[in-house]
Amino acid sequence: MNSQQVFTFGQEGLLQLLMVSAPVLLTVLVVGLVISIFQAATQISEATLSFVPKVVAAVAVLAVAGPWMMSTLVEYLQRTLQSIPGVIG
């Protein structure tokens, strides 16, 4: 196994991590931004007002995108495990 293969595996792993986590992170980011704008406009500084909608949005996105996320991770893991014999020798 040379250094190019190690970097390729690392790059593929980081790309998969980014793809799988992006829907949840972007949704929580947008919800947090909307809640922050609402709090700034109304001058309400309640901590639970920013926390609860983010959790609800994250759970909703996981319910919708969860199967896709799981299948993407399983396919990546299968490809990685199946490539082990070719990398070793």
C-alpha atoms as a PDB file:
ATOM      1  CA  MET A   1       0.000   0.000   0.000  1.00  0.00           C
ATOM      2  CA  ASN A   2       1.569   3.235  -1.107  1.00  0.00           C
ATOM      3  CA  SER A   3       0.917   6.740   0.072  1.00  0.00           C
ATOM      4  CA  GLN A   4      -1.321   7.549  -2.912  1.00  0.00           C
ATOM      5  CA  GLN A   5      -3.778   4.799  -1.918  1.00  0.00           C
ATOM      6  CA  VAL A   6      -3.812   6.015   1.677  1.00  0.00           C
ATOM      7  CA  PHE A   7      -4.619   9.560   0.559  1.00  0.00           C
ATOM      8  CA  THR A   8      -7.309   8.259  -1.811  1.00  0.00           C
ATOM      9  CA  PHE A   9      -8.994   6.286   0.988  1.00  0.00           C
ATOM     10  CA  GLY A  10      -8.791   9.300   3.275  1.00  0.00           C
ATOM     11  CA  GLN A  11     -10.195  11.625   0.636  1.00  0.00           C
ATOM     12  CA  GLU A  12     -13.078   9.266  -0.131  1.00  0.00           C
ATOM     13  CA  GLY A  13     -13.834   8.927   3.575  1.00  0.00           C
ATOM     14  CA  LEU A  14     -13.921  12.680   4.106  1.00  0.00           C
ATOM     15  CA  LEU A  15     -16.115  13.149   1.032  1.00  0.00           C
ATOM     16  CA  GLN A  16     -18.574  10.534   2.314  1.00  0.00           C
ATOM     17  CA  LEU A  17     -18.589  12.183   5.730  1.00  0.00           C
ATOM     18  CA  LEU A  18     -19.363  15.544   4.145  1.00  0.00           C
ATOM     19  CA  MET A  19     -22.127  14.125   1.941  1.00  0.00           C
ATOM     20  CA  VAL A  20     -23.823  12.237   4.768  1.00  0.00           C
ATOM     21  CA  SER A  21     -23.651  15.011   7.336  1.00  0.00           C
ATOM     22  CA  ALA A  22     -24.550  17.883   4.984  1.00  0.00           C
ATOM     23  CA  PRO A  23     -28.362  17.535   5.060  1.00  0.00           C
ATOM     24  CA  VAL A  24     -28.565  17.636   8.853  1.00  0.00           C
ATOM     25  CA  LEU A  25     -25.958  20.357   9.270  1.00  0.00           C
ATOM     26  CA  LEU A  26     -27.443  22.618   6.608  1.00  0.00           C
ATOM     27  CA  THR A  27     -30.949  22.212   7.993  1.00  0.00           C
ATOM     28  CA  VAL A  28     -29.857  23.022  11.538  1.00  0.00           C
ATOM     29  CA  LEU A  29     -27.869  25.982  10.215  1.00  0.00           C
ATOM     30  CA  VAL A  30     -30.863  27.415   8.347  1.00  0.00           C
ATOM     31  CA  VAL A  31     -33.239  26.849  11.274  1.00  0.00           C
ATOM     32  CA  GLY A  32     -30.748  28.480  13.653  1.00  0.00           C
ATOM     33  CA  LEU A  33     -30.372  31.457  11.353  1.00  0.00           C
ATOM     34  CA  VAL A  34     -34.141  31.924  11.046  1.00  0.00           C
ATOM     35  CA  ILE A  35     -34.611  31.639  14.818  1.00  0.00           C
ATOM     36  CA  SER A  36     -31.761  34.101  15.431  1.00  0.00           C
ATOM     37  CA  ILE A  37     -33.307  36.627  13.071  1.00  0.00           C
ATOM     38  CA  PHE A  38     -36.661  36.145  14.808  1.00  0.00           C
ATOM     39  CA  GLN A  39     -35.068  36.613  18.233  1.00  0.00           C
ATOM     40  CA  ALA A  40     -33.234  39.741  17.095  1.00  0.00           C
ATOM     41  CA  ALA A  41     -36.394  41.204  15.608  1.00  0.00           C
ATOM     42  CA  THR A  42     -38.544  40.527  18.665  1.00  0.00           C
ATOM     43  CA  GLN A  43     -35.799  40.909  21.295  1.00  0.00           C
ATOM     44  CA  ILE A  44     -36.703  37.560  22.858  1.00  0.00           C
ATOM     45  CA  SER A  45     -33.660  35.921  24.428  1.00  0.00           C
ATOM     46  CA  GLU A  46     -34.999  32.514  25.400  1.00  0.00           C
ATOM     47  CA  ALA A  47     -32.440  29.701  25.128  1.00  0.00           C
ATOM     48  CA  THR A  48     -34.988  26.968  24.479  1.00  0.00           C
ATOM     49  CA  LEU A  49     -36.421  28.933  21.574  1.00  0.00           C
ATOM     50  CA  SER A  50     -33.222  28.334  19.643  1.00  0.00           C
ATOM     51  CA  PHE A  51     -32.564  24.778  20.843  1.00  0.00           C
ATOM     52  CA  VAL A  52     -35.886  22.975  20.446  1.00  0.00           C
ATOM     53  CA  PRO A  53     -36.547  23.878  16.774  1.00  0.00           C
ATOM     54  CA  LYS A  54     -33.032  22.788  15.840  1.00  0.00           C
ATOM     55  CA  VAL A  55     -33.538  19.396  17.481  1.00  0.00           C
ATOM     56  CA  VAL A  56     -36.944  18.962  15.854  1.00  0.00           C
ATOM     57  CA  ALA A  57     -35.512  19.896  12.439  1.00  0.00           C
ATOM     58  CA  ALA A  58     -32.565  17.521  12.870  1.00  0.00           C
ATOM     59  CA  VAL A  59     -34.866  14.643  13.807  1.00  0.00           C
ATOM     60  CA  ALA A  60     -37.122  15.405  10.837  1.00  0.00           C
ATOM     61  CA  VAL A  61     -34.184  15.434   8.431  1.00  0.00           C
ATOM     62  CA  LEU A  62     -32.866  12.191   9.898  1.00  0.00           C
ATOM     63  CA  ALA A  63     -36.292  10.614   9.434  1.00  0.00           C
ATOM     64  CA  VAL A  64     -36.450  11.717   5.812  1.00  0.00           C
ATOM     65  CA  ALA A  65     -32.812  11.336   4.739  1.00  0.00           C
ATOM     66  CA  GLY A  66     -31.841   8.544   7.137  1.00  0.00           C
ATOM     67  CA  PRO A  67     -32.321   5.660   4.703  1.00  0.00           C
ATOM     68  CA  TRP A  68     -30.259   7.428   2.042  1.00  0.00           C
ATOM     69  CA  MET A  69     -27.547   8.215   4.592  1.00  0.00           C
ATOM     70  CA  MET A  70     -27.429   4.615   5.780  1.00  0.00           C
ATOM     71  CA  SER A  71     -27.313   3.146   2.269  1.00  0.00           C
ATOM     72  CA  THR A  72     -24.544   5.581   1.288  1.00  0.00           C
ATOM     73  CA  LEU A  73     -22.457   4.585   4.302  1.00  0.00           C
ATOM     74  CA  VAL A  74     -23.080   0.868   3.764  1.00  0.00           C
ATOM     75  CA  GLU A  75     -22.054   1.101   0.093  1.00  0.00           C
ATOM     76  CA  TYR A  76     -18.893   2.977   1.036  1.00  0.00           C
ATOM     77  CA  LEU A  77     -18.045   0.437   3.711  1.00  0.00           C
ATOM     78  CA  GLN A  78     -18.645  -2.463   1.309  1.00  0.00           C
ATOM     79  CA  ARG A  79     -16.398  -0.878  -1.335  1.00  0.00           C
ATOM     80  CA  THR A  80     -13.697  -0.258   1.238  1.00  0.00           C
ATOM     81  CA  LEU A  81     -13.815  -3.769   2.673  1.00  0.00           C
ATOM     82  CA  GLN A  82     -13.881  -5.375  -0.770  1.00  0.00           C
ATOM     83  CA  SER A  83     -10.810  -3.407  -1.820  1.00  0.00           C
ATOM     84  CA  ILE A  84      -8.700  -4.726   1.081  1.00  0.00           C
ATOM     85  CA  PRO A  85      -7.445  -7.862  -0.739  1.00  0.00           C
ATOM     86  CA  GLY A  86      -6.304  -5.777  -3.724  1.00  0.00           C
ATOM     87  CA  VAL A  87      -4.470  -3.345  -1.467  1.00  0.00           C
ATOM     88  CA  ILE A  88      -2.708  -5.991   0.596  1.00  0.00           C
ATOM     89  CA  GLY A  89      -1.361  -7.998  -2.246  1.00  0.00           C
END
